[in-house]
Amino acid sequence: TIMSPDATVGEGFLLEIHDPNSGNKWQGPGSFSDEQAGSAVANIPL
């Protein structure tokens, strides 16, 4: 879960997780789809 008061609902991004020890990477789209307590919230199932 990524939360930011500086983002807006509907704003999308590309998320990447990189394990430098193995060199493995995983990517996928993310989007701020909700707002809670003044912050835009993106939930990304890994």
All heavy atoms as atom14 arrays in JSON, in Angstrom:
{
  "sequence": "TIMSPDATVGEGFLLEIHDPNSGNKWQGPGSFSDEQAGSAVANIPL",
  "atom14_mask": [
    [1, 1, 1, 1, 1, 1, 1, 0, 0, 0, 0, 0, 0, 0],
    [1, 1, 1, 1, 1, 1, 1, 1, 0, 0, 0, 0, 0, 0],
    [1, 1, 1, 1, 1, 1, 1, 1, 0, 0, 0, 0, 0, 0],
    [1, 1, 1, 1, 1, 1, 0, 0, 0, 0, 0, 0, 0, 0],
    [1, 1, 1, 1, 1, 1, 1, 0, 0, 0, 0, 0, 0, 0],
    [1, 1, 1, 1, 1, 1, 1, 1, 0, 0, 0, 0, 0, 0],
    [1, 1, 1, 1, 1, 0, 0, 0, 0, 0, 0, 0, 0, 0],
    [1, 1, 1, 1, 1, 1, 1, 0, 0, 0, 0, 0, 0, 0],
    [1, 1, 1, 1, 1, 1, 1, 0, 0, 0, 0, 0, 0, 0],
    [1, 1, 1, 1, 0, 0, 0, 0, 0, 0, 0, 0, 0, 0],
    [1, 1, 1, 1, 1, 1, 1, 1, 1, 0, 0, 0, 0, 0],
    [1, 1, 1, 1, 0, 0, 0, 0, 0, 0, 0, 0, 0, 0],
    [1, 1, 1, 1, 1, 1, 1, 1, 1, 1, 1, 0, 0, 0],
    [1, 1, 1, 1, 1, 1, 1, 1, 0, 0, 0, 0, 0, 0],
    [1, 1, 1, 1, 1, 1, 1, 1, 0, 0, 0, 0, 0, 0],
    [1, 1, 1, 1, 1, 1, 1, 1, 1, 0, 0, 0, 0, 0],
    [1, 1, 1, 1, 1, 1, 1, 1, 0, 0, 0, 0, 0, 0],
    [1, 1, 1, 1, 1, 1, 1, 1, 1, 1, 0, 0, 0, 0],
    [1, 1, 1, 1, 1, 1, 1, 1, 0, 0, 0, 0, 0, 0],
    [1, 1, 1, 1, 1, 1, 1, 0, 0, 0, 0, 0, 0, 0],
    [1, 1, 1, 1, 1, 1, 1, 1, 0, 0, 0, 0, 0, 0],
    [1, 1, 1, 1, 1, 1, 0, 0, 0, 0, 0, 0, 0, 0],
    [1, 1, 1, 1, 0, 0, 0, 0, 0, 0, 0, 0, 0, 0],
    [1, 1, 1, 1, 1, 1, 1, 1, 0, 0, 0, 0, 0, 0],
    [1, 1, 1, 1, 1, 1, 1, 1, 1, 0, 0, 0, 0, 0],
    [1, 1, 1, 1, 1, 1, 1, 1, 1, 1, 1, 1, 1, 1],
    [1, 1, 1, 1, 1, 1, 1, 1, 1, 0, 0, 0, 0, 0],
    [1, 1, 1, 1, 0, 0, 0, 0, 0, 0, 0, 0, 0, 0],
    [1, 1, 1, 1, 1, 1, 1, 0, 0, 0, 0, 0, 0, 0],
    [1, 1, 1, 1, 0, 0, 0, 0, 0, 0, 0, 0, 0, 0],
    [1, 1, 1, 1, 1, 1, 0, 0, 0, 0, 0, 0, 0, 0],
    [1, 1, 1, 1, 1, 1, 1, 1, 1, 1, 1, 0, 0, 0],
    [1, 1, 1, 1, 1, 1, 0, 0, 0, 0, 0, 0, 0, 0],
    [1, 1, 1, 1, 1, 1, 1, 1, 0, 0, 0, 0, 0, 0],
    [1, 1, 1, 1, 1, 1, 1, 1, 1, 0, 0, 0, 0, 0],
    [1, 1, 1, 1, 1, 1, 1, 1, 1, 0, 0, 0, 0, 0],
    [1, 1, 1, 1, 1, 0, 0, 0, 0, 0, 0, 0, 0, 0],
    [1, 1, 1, 1, 0, 0, 0, 0, 0, 0, 0, 0, 0, 0],
    [1, 1, 1, 1, 1, 1, 0, 0, 0, 0, 0, 0, 0, 0],
    [1, 1, 1, 1, 1, 0, 0, 0, 0, 0, 0, 0, 0, 0],
    [1, 1, 1, 1, 1, 1, 1, 0, 0, 0, 0, 0, 0, 0],
    [1, 1, 1, 1, 1, 0, 0, 0, 0, 0, 0, 0, 0, 0],
    [1, 1, 1, 1, 1, 1, 1, 1, 0, 0, 0, 0, 0, 0],
    [1, 1, 1, 1, 1, 1, 1, 1, 0, 0, 0, 0, 0, 0],
    [1, 1, 1, 1, 1, 1, 1, 0, 0, 0, 0, 0, 0, 0],
    [1, 1, 1, 1, 1, 1, 1, 1, 0, 0, 0, 0, 0, 0]
  ],
  "atom14_positions": [
    [[0.86, -1.18, 0.0], [0.0, 0.0, 0.0], [0.9, 1.23, 0.0], [1.81, 1.34, 0.82], [-0.92, 0.02, 1.23], [-1.76, -1.14, 1.19], [-1.79, 1.26, 1.26], [0.0, 0.0, 0.0], [0.0, 0.0, 0.0], [0.0, 0.0, 0.0], [0.0, 0.0, 0.0], [0.0, 0.0, 0.0], [0.0, 0.0, 0.0], [0.0, 0.0, 0.0]],
    [[0.64, 2.13, -0.95], [1.39, 3.38, -1.06], [0.41, 4.52, -0.84], [-0.63, 4.57, -1.49], [2.07, 3.5, -2.44], [3.02, 2.32, -2.67], [2.81, 4.83, -2.55], [3.59, 2.26, -4.06], [0.0, 0.0, 0.0], [0.0, 0.0, 0.0], [0.0, 0.0, 0.0], [0.0, 0.0, 0.0], [0.0, 0.0, 0.0], [0.0, 0.0, 0.0]],
    [[0.74, 5.42, 0.09], [-0.12, 6.55, 0.4], [0.68, 7.84, 0.27], [1.84, 7.9, 0.67], [-0.66, 6.44, 1.82], [-1.58, 5.23, 2.0], [-2.09, 5.0, 3.71], [-0.62, 4.27, 4.38], [0.0, 0.0, 0.0], [0.0, 0.0, 0.0], [0.0, 0.0, 0.0], [0.0, 0.0, 0.0], [0.0, 0.0, 0.0], [0.0, 0.0, 0.0]],
    [[0.05, 8.86, -0.32], [0.72, 10.15, -0.47], [-0.31, 11.28, -0.48], [-1.27, 11.24, -1.24], [1.5, 10.19, -1.78], [2.05, 11.49, -1.97], [0.0, 0.0, 0.0], [0.0, 0.0, 0.0], [0.0, 0.0, 0.0], [0.0, 0.0, 0.0], [0.0, 0.0, 0.0], [0.0, 0.0, 0.0], [0.0, 0.0, 0.0], [0.0, 0.0, 0.0]],
    [[-0.07, 12.3, 0.36], [-0.95, 13.48, 0.31], [-0.68, 14.32, -0.95], [-1.46, 15.2, -1.28], [-0.6, 14.24, 1.59], [0.8, 13.83, 1.9], [0.93, 12.41, 1.41], [0.0, 0.0, 0.0], [0.0, 0.0, 0.0], [0.0, 0.0, 0.0], [0.0, 0.0, 0.0], [0.0, 0.0, 0.0], [0.0, 0.0, 0.0], [0.0, 0.0, 0.0]],
    [[0.43, 14.05, -1.64], [0.8, 14.82, -2.84], [0.27, 14.21, -4.13], [0.34, 14.84, -5.18], [2.32, 14.94, -2.92], [2.9, 15.62, -1.68], [2.44, 16.72, -1.36], [3.77, 15.02, -1.03], [0.0, 0.0, 0.0], [0.0, 0.0, 0.0], [0.0, 0.0, 0.0], [0.0, 0.0, 0.0], [0.0, 0.0, 0.0], [0.0, 0.0, 0.0]],
    [[-0.24, 12.99, -4.08], [-0.79, 12.32, -5.27], [-2.29, 12.6, -5.36], [-2.92, 13.06, -4.41], [-0.54, 10.82, -5.19], [0.0, 0.0, 0.0], [0.0, 0.0, 0.0], [0.0, 0.0, 0.0], [0.0, 0.0, 0.0], [0.0, 0.0, 0.0], [0.0, 0.0, 0.0], [0.0, 0.0, 0.0], [0.0, 0.0, 0.0], [0.0, 0.0, 0.0]],
    [[-2.85, 12.31, -6.52], [-4.28, 12.48, -6.73], [-4.89, 11.15, -7.15], [-4.24, 10.32, -7.81], [-4.59, 13.53, -7.81], [-3.93, 13.16, -9.02], [-4.11, 14.9, -7.39], [0.0, 0.0, 0.0], [0.0, 0.0, 0.0], [0.0, 0.0, 0.0], [0.0, 0.0, 0.0], [0.0, 0.0, 0.0], [0.0, 0.0, 0.0], [0.0, 0.0, 0.0]],
    [[-6.14, 10.95, -6.75], [-6.86, 9.74, -7.15], [-6.93, 9.69, -8.67], [-7.21, 10.7, -9.32], [-8.27, 9.72, -6.51], [-9.1, 8.58, -7.08], [-8.17, 9.61, -4.99], [0.0, 0.0, 0.0], [0.0, 0.0, 0.0], [0.0, 0.0, 0.0], [0.0, 0.0, 0.0], [0.0, 0.0, 0.0], [0.0, 0.0, 0.0], [0.0, 0.0, 0.0]],
    [[-6.62, 8.54, -9.24], [-6.62, 8.37, -10.69], [-5.22, 8.45, -11.28], [-5.01, 8.06, -12.43], [0.0, 0.0, 0.0], [0.0, 0.0, 0.0], [0.0, 0.0, 0.0], [0.0, 0.0, 0.0], [0.0, 0.0, 0.0], [0.0, 0.0, 0.0], [0.0, 0.0, 0.0], [0.0, 0.0, 0.0], [0.0, 0.0, 0.0], [0.0, 0.0, 0.0]],
    [[-4.26, 8.94, -10.52], [-2.88, 9.03, -11.0], [-2.26, 7.64, -11.03], [-2.33, 6.89, -10.06], [-2.08, 9.95, -10.08], [-0.69, 10.24, -10.56], [-0.01, 11.31, -9.71], [-0.56, 11.73, -8.67], [1.08, 11.72, -10.1], [0.0, 0.0, 0.0], [0.0, 0.0, 0.0], [0.0, 0.0, 0.0], [0.0, 0.0, 0.0], [0.0, 0.0, 0.0]],
    [[-1.67, 7.29, -12.16], [-1.07, 5.97, -12.31], [0.45, 6.03, -12.31], [1.05, 7.09, -12.47], [0.0, 0.0, 0.0], [0.0, 0.0, 0.0], [0.0, 0.0, 0.0], [0.0, 0.0, 0.0], [0.0, 0.0, 0.0], [0.0, 0.0, 0.0], [0.0, 0.0, 0.0], [0.0, 0.0, 0.0], [0.0, 0.0, 0.0], [0.0, 0.0, 0.0]],
    [[1.07, 4.88, -12.14], [2.53, 4.79, -12.12], [2.93, 3.35, -12.43], [2.11, 2.44, -12.42], [3.09, 5.22, -10.75], [2.52, 4.46, -9.58], [3.13, 3.32, -9.08], [1.35, 4.9, -8.96], [2.6, 2.64, -8.02], [0.81, 4.22, -7.89], [1.44, 3.08, -7.41], [0.0, 0.0, 0.0], [0.0, 0.0, 0.0], [0.0, 0.0, 0.0]],
    [[4.21, 3.16, -12.72], [4.77, 1.83, -12.93], [5.59, 1.49, -11.7], [6.46, 2.27, -11.29], [5.67, 1.8, -14.17], [6.39, 0.47, -14.41], [5.38, -0.6, -14.83], [7.45, 0.63, -15.48], [0.0, 0.0, 0.0], [0.0, 0.0, 0.0], [0.0, 0.0, 0.0], [0.0, 0.0, 0.0], [0.0, 0.0, 0.0], [0.0, 0.0, 0.0]],
    [[5.3, 0.35, -11.09], [6.02, -0.1, -9.9], [7.0, -1.2, -10.3], [6.66, -2.09, -11.08], [5.03, -0.66, -8.87], [5.64, -1.15, -7.57], [6.11, 0.03, -6.73], [4.63, -1.98, -6.79], [0.0, 0.0, 0.0], [0.0, 0.0, 0.0], [0.0, 0.0, 0.0], [0.0, 0.0, 0.0], [0.0, 0.0, 0.0], [0.0, 0.0, 0.0]],
    [[8.23, -1.12, -9.77], [9.21, -2.17, -10.02], [9.88, -2.55, -8.72], [10.26, -1.68, -7.93], [10.27, -1.69, -11.0], [11.37, -2.73, -11.26], [12.38, -2.28, -12.27], [12.11, -2.43, -13.48], [13.44, -1.77, -11.84], [0.0, 0.0, 0.0], [0.0, 0.0, 0.0], [0.0, 0.0, 0.0], [0.0, 0.0, 0.0], [0.0, 0.0, 0.0]],
    [[10.02, -3.84, -8.49], [10.77, -4.36, -7.35], [11.99, -5.06, -7.92], [11.87, -5.9, -8.81], [9.91, -5.32, -6.5], [8.75, -4.55, -5.88], [10.77, -5.99, -5.43], [7.78, -5.39, -5.08], [0.0, 0.0, 0.0], [0.0, 0.0, 0.0], [0.0, 0.0, 0.0], [0.0, 0.0, 0.0], [0.0, 0.0, 0.0], [0.0, 0.0, 0.0]],
    [[13.17, -4.69, -7.42], [14.43, -5.22, -7.92], [15.23, -5.81, -6.75], [15.47, -5.12, -5.76], [15.23, -4.1, -8.6], [16.59, -4.51, -9.04], [17.7, -3.73, -8.81], [17.04, -5.61, -9.7], [18.77, -4.33, -9.3], [18.4, -5.48, -9.83], [0.0, 0.0, 0.0], [0.0, 0.0, 0.0], [0.0, 0.0, 0.0], [0.0, 0.0, 0.0]],
    [[15.61, -7.07, -6.88], [16.48, -7.72, -5.9], [17.9, -7.65, -6.45], [18.27, -8.43, -7.33], [16.04, -9.17, -5.7], [16.86, -9.9, -4.64], [17.94, -9.41, -4.26], [16.41, -10.98, -4.2], [0.0, 0.0, 0.0], [0.0, 0.0, 0.0], [0.0, 0.0, 0.0], [0.0, 0.0, 0.0], [0.0, 0.0, 0.0], [0.0, 0.0, 0.0]],
    [[18.72, -6.68, -6.01], [20.05, -6.5, -6.57], [20.97, -7.72, -6.38], [21.88, -7.93, -7.17], [20.63, -5.3, -5.83], [19.54, -4.7, -5.06], [18.44, -5.7, -4.97], [0.0, 0.0, 0.0], [0.0, 0.0, 0.0], [0.0, 0.0, 0.0], [0.0, 0.0, 0.0], [0.0, 0.0, 0.0], [0.0, 0.0, 0.0], [0.0, 0.0, 0.0]],
    [[20.71, -8.51, -5.35], [21.55, -9.69, -5.1], [21.37, -10.75, -6.17], [22.33, -11.4, -6.57], [21.27, -10.27, -3.72], [21.67, -9.3, -2.63], [22.82, -8.93, -2.52], [20.71, -8.86, -1.85], [0.0, 0.0, 0.0], [0.0, 0.0, 0.0], [0.0, 0.0, 0.0], [0.0, 0.0, 0.0], [0.0, 0.0, 0.0], [0.0, 0.0, 0.0]],
    [[20.14, -10.95, -6.65], [19.89, -11.96, -7.68], [19.77, -11.34, -9.07], [19.87, -12.03, -10.07], [18.59, -12.71, -7.37], [17.48, -11.83, -7.47], [0.0, 0.0, 0.0], [0.0, 0.0, 0.0], [0.0, 0.0, 0.0], [0.0, 0.0, 0.0], [0.0, 0.0, 0.0], [0.0, 0.0, 0.0], [0.0, 0.0, 0.0], [0.0, 0.0, 0.0]],
    [[19.51, -10.02, -9.11], [19.26, -9.36, -10.39], [17.83, -9.48, -10.86], [17.45, -8.93, -11.89], [0.0, 0.0, 0.0], [0.0, 0.0, 0.0], [0.0, 0.0, 0.0], [0.0, 0.0, 0.0], [0.0, 0.0, 0.0], [0.0, 0.0, 0.0], [0.0, 0.0, 0.0], [0.0, 0.0, 0.0], [0.0, 0.0, 0.0], [0.0, 0.0, 0.0]],
    [[16.98, -10.18, -10.12], [15.59, -10.39, -10.51], [14.77, -9.1, -10.34], [14.99, -8.34, -9.4], [14.95, -11.5, -9.69], [15.55, -12.86, -9.99], [16.12, -13.08, -11.06], [15.46, -13.77, -9.05], [0.0, 0.0, 0.0], [0.0, 0.0, 0.0], [0.0, 0.0, 0.0], [0.0, 0.0, 0.0], [0.0, 0.0, 0.0], [0.0, 0.0, 0.0]],
    [[13.81, -8.92, -11.27], [12.91, -7.76, -11.23], [11.49, -8.19, -11.52], [11.24, -9.13, -12.27], [13.31, -6.73, -12.29], [14.65, -6.09, -12.07], [14.95, -5.08, -13.18], [16.33, -4.46, -13.0], [16.61, -3.46, -14.03], [0.0, 0.0, 0.0], [0.0, 0.0, 0.0], [0.0, 0.0, 0.0], [0.0, 0.0, 0.0], [0.0, 0.0, 0.0]],
    [[10.56, -7.45, -10.93], [9.13, -7.62, -11.19], [8.54, -6.23, -11.4], [8.91, -5.3, -10.71], [8.44, -8.31, -10.02], [8.94, -9.69, -9.77], [8.39, -10.86, -10.24], [10.07, -10.08, -8.99], [9.13, -11.92, -9.81], [10.18, -11.49, -9.05], [11.04, -9.38, -8.28], [11.18, -12.19, -8.41], [12.05, -10.09, -7.63], [12.11, -11.48, -7.7]],
    [[7.62, -6.11, -12.35], [7.0, -4.81, -12.66], [5.5, -4.96, -12.81], [5.0, -6.03, -13.15], [7.53, -4.26, -13.99], [8.96, -3.9, -14.02], [9.38, -3.37, -15.38], [8.69, -3.57, -16.38], [10.51, -2.69, -15.42], [0.0, 0.0, 0.0], [0.0, 0.0, 0.0], [0.0, 0.0, 0.0], [0.0, 0.0, 0.0], [0.0, 0.0, 0.0]],
    [[4.83, -3.85, -12.64], [3.4, -3.81, -12.88], [2.85, -2.41, -12.68], [3.49, -1.56, -12.06], [0.0, 0.0, 0.0], [0.0, 0.0, 0.0], [0.0, 0.0, 0.0], [0.0, 0.0, 0.0], [0.0, 0.0, 0.0], [0.0, 0.0, 0.0], [0.0, 0.0, 0.0], [0.0, 0.0, 0.0], [0.0, 0.0, 0.0], [0.0, 0.0, 0.0]],
    [[1.65, -2.19, -13.19], [1.03, -0.87, -13.04], [0.43, -0.7, -11.65], [0.0, -1.66, -11.02], [-0.06, -0.88, -14.11], [-0.42, -2.33, -14.25], [0.84, -3.09, -14.01], [0.0, 0.0, 0.0], [0.0, 0.0, 0.0], [0.0, 0.0, 0.0], [0.0, 0.0, 0.0], [0.0, 0.0, 0.0], [0.0, 0.0, 0.0], [0.0, 0.0, 0.0]],
    [[0.45, 0.53, -11.22], [-0.22, 0.9, -9.97], [-1.05, 2.14, -10.22], [-0.81, 2.88, -11.18], [0.0, 0.0, 0.0], [0.0, 0.0, 0.0], [0.0, 0.0, 0.0], [0.0, 0.0, 0.0], [0.0, 0.0, 0.0], [0.0, 0.0, 0.0], [0.0, 0.0, 0.0], [0.0, 0.0, 0.0], [0.0, 0.0, 0.0], [0.0, 0.0, 0.0]],
    [[-2.04, 2.36, -9.38], [-2.89, 3.53, -9.53], [-3.43, 3.94, -8.17], [-3.83, 3.08, -7.37], [-4.06, 3.2, -10.47], [-4.93, 4.3, -10.58], [0.0, 0.0, 0.0], [0.0, 0.0, 0.0], [0.0, 0.0, 0.0], [0.0, 0.0, 0.0], [0.0, 0.0, 0.0], [0.0, 0.0, 0.0], [0.0, 0.0, 0.0], [0.0, 0.0, 0.0]],
    [[-3.41, 5.24, -7.93], [-4.04, 5.77, -6.72], [-5.54, 5.75, -6.95], [-6.06, 6.5, -7.78], [-3.52, 7.18, -6.41], [-2.09, 7.2, -5.99], [-1.09, 7.55, -6.88], [-1.73, 6.84, -4.69], [0.24, 7.56, -6.49], [-0.39, 6.85, -4.29], [0.59, 7.2, -5.2], [0.0, 0.0, 0.0], [0.0, 0.0, 0.0], [0.0, 0.0, 0.0]],
    [[-6.24, 4.85, -6.27], [-7.65, 4.64, -6.57], [-8.59, 5.01, -5.43], [-9.81, 4.89, -5.57], [-7.87, 3.17, -6.93], [-7.46, 2.34, -5.86], [0.0, 0.0, 0.0], [0.0, 0.0, 0.0], [0.0, 0.0, 0.0], [0.0, 0.0, 0.0], [0.0, 0.0, 0.0], [0.0, 0.0, 0.0], [0.0, 0.0, 0.0], [0.0, 0.0, 0.0]],
    [[-8.04, 5.46, -4.32], [-8.88, 5.77, -3.17], [-8.23, 6.92, -2.4], [-7.06, 7.25, -2.62], [-8.98, 4.53, -2.28], [-10.05, 4.63, -1.21], [-10.92, 5.53, -1.31], [-10.04, 3.82, -0.26], [0.0, 0.0, 0.0], [0.0, 0.0, 0.0], [0.0, 0.0, 0.0], [0.0, 0.0, 0.0], [0.0, 0.0, 0.0], [0.0, 0.0, 0.0]],
    [[-8.98, 7.53, -1.51], [-8.43, 8.58, -0.65], [-8.82, 8.29, 0.79], [-9.96, 7.95, 1.07], [-8.95, 9.96, -1.06], [-8.27, 11.08, -0.27], [-8.65, 12.46, -0.76], [-8.89, 12.63, -1.96], [-8.69, 13.38, 0.07], [0.0, 0.0, 0.0], [0.0, 0.0, 0.0], [0.0, 0.0, 0.0], [0.0, 0.0, 0.0], [0.0, 0.0, 0.0]],
    [[-7.83, 8.39, 1.68], [-8.07, 8.18, 3.11], [-7.32, 9.24, 3.89], [-6.12, 9.43, 3.7], [-7.58, 6.79, 3.54], [-8.32, 5.65, 2.9], [-7.72, 4.3, 3.28], [-6.81, 4.22, 4.08], [-8.25, 3.26, 2.68], [0.0, 0.0, 0.0], [0.0, 0.0, 0.0], [0.0, 0.0, 0.0], [0.0, 0.0, 0.0], [0.0, 0.0, 0.0]],
    [[-8.01, 9.94, 4.74], [-7.42, 10.95, 5.63], [-6.54, 11.94, 4.87], [-5.45, 12.29, 5.3], [-6.62, 10.27, 6.75], [0.0, 0.0, 0.0], [0.0, 0.0, 0.0], [0.0, 0.0, 0.0], [0.0, 0.0, 0.0], [0.0, 0.0, 0.0], [0.0, 0.0, 0.0], [0.0, 0.0, 0.0], [0.0, 0.0, 0.0], [0.0, 0.0, 0.0]],
    [[-6.99, 12.38, 3.69], [-6.26, 13.38, 2.93], [-5.12, 12.86, 2.08], [-4.39, 13.65, 1.48], [0.0, 0.0, 0.0], [0.0, 0.0, 0.0], [0.0, 0.0, 0.0], [0.0, 0.0, 0.0], [0.0, 0.0, 0.0], [0.0, 0.0, 0.0], [0.0, 0.0, 0.0], [0.0, 0.0, 0.0], [0.0, 0.0, 0.0], [0.0, 0.0, 0.0]],
    [[-4.95, 11.54, 2.01], [-3.89, 10.96, 1.18], [-4.5, 10.06, 0.11], [-5.46, 9.33, 0.38], [-2.94, 10.1, 2.03], [-2.16, 10.9, 2.87], [0.0, 0.0, 0.0], [0.0, 0.0, 0.0], [0.0, 0.0, 0.0], [0.0, 0.0, 0.0], [0.0, 0.0, 0.0], [0.0, 0.0, 0.0], [0.0, 0.0, 0.0], [0.0, 0.0, 0.0]],
    [[-3.93, 10.12, -1.09], [-4.31, 9.18, -2.15], [-3.68, 7.84, -1.81], [-2.56, 7.77, -1.29], [-3.84, 9.68, -3.5], [0.0, 0.0, 0.0], [0.0, 0.0, 0.0], [0.0, 0.0, 0.0], [0.0, 0.0, 0.0], [0.0, 0.0, 0.0], [0.0, 0.0, 0.0], [0.0, 0.0, 0.0], [0.0, 0.0, 0.0], [0.0, 0.0, 0.0]],
    [[-4.42, 6.75, -2.09], [-3.99, 5.41, -1.7], [-3.98, 4.49, -2.91], [-4.92, 4.47, -3.7], [-4.94, 4.82, -0.62], [-4.54, 3.41, -0.24], [-4.99, 5.72, 0.6], [0.0, 0.0, 0.0], [0.0, 0.0, 0.0], [0.0, 0.0, 0.0], [0.0, 0.0, 0.0], [0.0, 0.0, 0.0], [0.0, 0.0, 0.0], [0.0, 0.0, 0.0]],
    [[-2.87, 3.74, -3.05], [-2.76, 2.71, -4.08], [-2.48, 1.38, -3.39], [-1.57, 1.29, -2.56], [-1.64, 3.04, -5.05], [0.0, 0.0, 0.0], [0.0, 0.0, 0.0], [0.0, 0.0, 0.0], [0.0, 0.0, 0.0], [0.0, 0.0, 0.0], [0.0, 0.0, 0.0], [0.0, 0.0, 0.0], [0.0, 0.0, 0.0], [0.0, 0.0, 0.0]],
    [[-3.28, 0.37, -3.69], [-3.05, -0.98, -3.16], [-2.6, -1.86, -4.31], [-3.33, -2.01, -5.3], [-4.33, -1.54, -2.54], [-4.72, -0.79, -1.29], [-3.95, -0.7, -0.35], [-5.92, -0.24, -1.28], [0.0, 0.0, 0.0], [0.0, 0.0, 0.0], [0.0, 0.0, 0.0], [0.0, 0.0, 0.0], [0.0, 0.0, 0.0], [0.0, 0.0, 0.0]],
    [[-1.41, -2.45, -4.2], [-0.86, -3.27, -5.28], [-0.62, -4.68, -4.76], [0.3, -4.91, -3.96], [0.47, -2.69, -5.82], [0.25, -1.28, -6.37], [1.04, -3.58, -6.91], [0.78, -0.22, -5.51], [0.0, 0.0, 0.0], [0.0, 0.0, 0.0], [0.0, 0.0, 0.0], [0.0, 0.0, 0.0], [0.0, 0.0, 0.0], [0.0, 0.0, 0.0]],
    [[-1.46, -5.65, -5.17], [-1.18, -7.04, -4.81], [0.12, -7.47, -5.49], [0.27, -7.32, -6.7], [-2.37, -7.81, -5.37], [-3.41, -6.78, -5.7], [-2.67, -5.5, -5.94], [0.0, 0.0, 0.0], [0.0, 0.0, 0.0], [0.0, 0.0, 0.0], [0.0, 0.0, 0.0], [0.0, 0.0, 0.0], [0.0, 0.0, 0.0], [0.0, 0.0, 0.0]],
    [[1.08, -7.96, -4.72], [2.38, -8.3, -5.29], [2.31, -9.46, -6.27], [3.16, -9.56, -7.16], [3.39, -8.57, -4.18], [3.69, -7.36, -3.29], [4.78, -7.7, -2.28], [4.08, -6.14, -4.11], [0.0, 0.0, 0.0], [0.0, 0.0, 0.0], [0.0, 0.0, 0.0], [0.0, 0.0, 0.0], [0.0, 0.0, 0.0], [0.0, 0.0, 0.0]]
  ]
}
